[in-house]
């Protein structure tokens, strides 16, 4: 029985695409081009408290919007904001320069976003504890979820994508 549906946002044939994965290991069953970006980048921001905390997220998104940077996944908490975006080197450098005025900026290149959606017949079985156990040996850069949706987005290094997918195929 299939435990979940898998999708990934990553670099395929030089373009950022959404890939649908079937219930078997191997190649994705379909692709949809999302952007003409040539790279996916994880950016983590930690406030320097140079702007009011309630303006931190707004200001960070405004900088990214100014440079037309697409957002593929994001997560936030008090004083922290993480995002997966696509950018060329020049735009990324400009964005990081502007963001560094009010935030500590950490950048990791060559990342993938894996979206895990519980299937209807296994709804409620994908607990946080189960995910932690399943992914205990995988470095996760970001985890994002919507309460009650049965969906979790995991940001991992591109080199770990196949390892993560294989773990879910085996469940």
Protein backbone atom coordinates (compact mmCIF):
# COMPACT_ATOMS: atom_id res chain seq x y z
CA UNK A 1 0.00 0.00 0.00
CA UNK A 2 1.33 3.43 -0.91
CA UNK A 3 2.09 5.50 2.21
CA UNK A 4 2.39 8.88 0.52
CA UNK A 5 2.58 10.80 -2.71
CA UNK A 6 5.93 12.36 -3.48
CA UNK A 7 6.81 15.47 -5.43
CA UNK A 8 10.09 17.29 -5.64
CA UNK A 9 11.11 20.75 -6.72
CA UNK A 10 14.56 20.54 -8.17
CA UNK A 11 16.83 21.07 -11.11
CA UNK A 12 16.04 18.86 -14.10
CA UNK A 13 17.60 19.43 -17.51
CA UNK A 14 18.85 22.85 -16.43
CA UNK A 15 15.44 24.16 -15.29
CA UNK A 16 13.63 24.26 -11.97
CA UNK A 17 10.79 21.74 -12.25
CA UNK A 18 8.12 20.08 -10.15
CA UNK A 19 8.57 16.33 -10.54
CA UNK A 20 5.82 13.84 -9.68
CA UNK A 21 7.17 10.54 -8.41
CA UNK A 22 5.29 7.27 -8.80
CA UNK A 23 5.33 4.51 -6.22
CA UNK A 24 8.49 2.97 -7.62
CA UNK A 25 12.11 4.00 -7.48
CA UNK A 26 13.62 5.49 -10.59
CA UNK A 27 12.61 8.36 -12.80
CA UNK A 28 9.79 10.82 -12.09
CA UNK A 29 6.48 10.09 -13.81
CA UNK A 30 6.02 13.72 -14.93
CA UNK A 31 7.68 17.15 -14.94
CA UNK A 32 6.33 20.67 -14.90
CA UNK A 33 8.74 23.58 -15.48
CA UNK A 34 8.31 26.14 -12.70
CA UNK A 35 10.99 28.68 -13.54
CA UNK A 36 13.84 29.33 -15.89
CA UNK A 37 16.22 29.46 -12.92
CA UNK A 38 19.40 27.47 -13.21
CA UNK A 39 19.77 26.81 -9.49
CA UNK A 40 17.78 26.31 -6.29
CA UNK A 41 19.19 28.07 -3.25
CA UNK A 42 18.34 27.79 0.44
CA UNK A 43 18.59 31.10 2.30
CA UNK A 44 18.31 31.29 6.08
CA UNK A 45 17.87 34.67 7.75
CA UNK A 46 18.26 35.43 11.43
CA UNK A 47 17.23 38.90 12.56
CA UNK A 48 19.87 41.35 13.74
CA UNK A 49 16.99 43.25 15.36
CA UNK A 50 17.65 46.23 13.07
CA UNK A 51 13.94 46.25 12.16
CA UNK A 52 10.91 45.61 14.34
CA UNK A 53 10.23 41.88 14.67
CA UNK A 54 6.78 42.21 13.11
CA UNK A 55 8.40 43.84 10.03
CA UNK A 56 11.24 41.33 9.61
CA UNK A 57 9.42 38.89 7.32
CA UNK A 58 7.76 41.70 5.36
CA UNK A 59 11.09 43.41 4.74
CA UNK A 60 12.85 40.19 3.71
CA UNK A 61 10.11 39.30 1.22
CA UNK A 62 10.13 42.85 -0.16
CA UNK A 63 13.85 42.59 -0.95
CA UNK A 64 13.32 39.27 -2.72
CA UNK A 65 10.32 40.61 -4.64
CA UNK A 66 12.38 43.61 -5.78
CA UNK A 67 14.72 41.18 -7.56
CA UNK A 68 11.85 38.98 -8.84
CA UNK A 69 13.14 35.95 -6.95
CA UNK A 70 10.65 33.07 -6.98
CA UNK A 71 9.81 31.36 -3.69
CA UNK A 72 9.45 27.57 -3.82
CA UNK A 73 9.25 26.86 -0.07
CA UNK A 74 9.49 28.85 3.12
CA UNK A 75 9.26 28.58 6.88
CA UNK A 76 9.41 31.19 9.60
CA UNK A 77 9.53 31.56 13.33
CA UNK A 78 10.21 34.45 15.69
CA UNK A 79 13.32 36.16 14.37
CA UNK A 80 14.10 33.53 11.71
CA UNK A 81 13.04 33.08 8.11
CA UNK A 82 14.11 30.35 5.70
CA UNK A 83 13.30 30.24 2.01
CA UNK A 84 14.14 28.16 -1.04
CA UNK A 85 14.42 30.37 -4.08
CA UNK A 86 15.87 30.43 -7.55
CA UNK A 87 18.35 33.07 -8.53
CA UNK A 88 21.29 33.78 -10.73
CA UNK A 89 24.58 34.61 -9.01
CA UNK A 90 24.28 38.37 -9.57
CA UNK A 91 20.74 38.68 -8.18
CA UNK A 92 21.60 36.43 -5.24
CA UNK A 93 24.64 38.55 -4.40
CA UNK A 94 22.53 41.75 -4.49
CA UNK A 95 19.78 40.21 -2.37
CA UNK A 96 22.23 38.93 0.24
CA UNK A 97 23.89 42.35 0.41
CA UNK A 98 20.54 44.07 1.06
CA UNK A 99 19.37 41.43 3.52
CA UNK A 100 22.62 41.58 5.50
CA UNK A 101 21.74 45.11 6.62
CA UNK A 102 19.08 43.67 8.95
CA UNK A 103 19.73 39.90 9.03
CA UNK A 104 22.46 37.32 9.38
CA UNK A 105 22.34 35.53 6.02
CA UNK A 106 23.32 31.90 5.39
CA UNK A 107 23.17 30.50 1.86
CA UNK A 108 23.34 26.88 0.72
CA UNK A 109 23.32 26.06 -2.99
CA UNK A 110 22.28 22.85 -4.76
CA UNK A 111 19.18 22.03 -2.73
CA UNK A 112 15.92 20.20 -3.44
CA UNK A 113 12.47 20.44 -1.90
CA UNK A 114 10.67 17.13 -1.40
CA UNK A 115 6.94 17.36 -0.74
CA UNK A 116 5.41 14.41 1.08
CA UNK A 117 1.60 14.12 1.00
CA UNK A 118 -0.16 11.37 2.96
CA UNK A 119 -2.53 9.25 0.92
CA UNK A 120 -6.19 9.08 1.98
CA UNK A 121 -5.96 5.43 3.01
CA UNK A 122 -2.95 6.13 5.30
CA UNK A 123 -4.13 9.52 6.64
CA UNK A 124 -2.75 10.29 10.09
CA UNK A 125 0.03 7.67 10.01
CA UNK A 126 2.80 10.10 9.04
CA UNK A 127 3.57 11.40 12.52
CA UNK A 128 6.40 13.73 13.42
CA UNK A 129 8.03 10.88 15.35
CA UNK A 130 7.79 8.62 12.31
CA UNK A 131 9.38 11.25 10.07
CA UNK A 132 12.19 11.86 12.54
CA UNK A 133 12.88 8.13 12.76
CA UNK A 134 12.74 7.67 8.97
CA UNK A 135 15.00 10.66 8.23
CA UNK A 136 17.35 10.41 11.22
CA UNK A 137 20.47 10.07 9.03
CA UNK A 138 19.57 12.81 6.54
CA UNK A 139 20.64 16.43 7.17
CA UNK A 140 17.45 18.50 6.80
CA UNK A 141 17.90 22.18 6.00
CA UNK A 142 14.25 23.12 6.43
CA UNK A 143 10.96 21.45 7.34
CA UNK A 144 7.69 23.15 6.52
CA UNK A 145 4.18 21.85 7.11
CA UNK A 146 0.59 22.96 7.34
CA UNK A 147 -1.22 21.66 10.39
CA UNK A 148 -3.85 19.07 9.55
CA UNK A 149 -3.01 18.94 5.84
CA UNK A 150 -1.00 15.71 5.94
CA UNK A 151 1.67 17.46 3.90
CA UNK A 152 5.30 18.16 4.77
CA UNK A 153 7.97 19.85 2.67
CA UNK A 154 11.57 18.87 3.33
CA UNK A 155 14.53 20.85 2.04
CA UNK A 156 17.63 18.72 1.57
CA UNK A 157 20.92 18.92 -0.26
CA UNK A 158 20.60 17.75 -3.86
CA UNK A 159 23.08 14.94 -3.21
CA UNK A 160 20.63 13.51 -0.60
CA UNK A 161 17.49 13.63 -2.77
CA UNK A 162 17.59 10.04 -4.02
CA UNK A 163 18.35 8.75 -0.52
CA UNK A 164 15.27 10.54 0.86
CA UNK A 165 13.02 9.38 -1.98
CA UNK A 166 14.18 5.78 -1.54
CA UNK A 167 13.34 5.92 2.18
CA UNK A 168 9.77 6.91 1.33
CA UNK A 169 9.49 4.35 -1.48
CA UNK A 170 10.45 1.66 1.03
CA UNK A 171 7.84 2.61 3.66
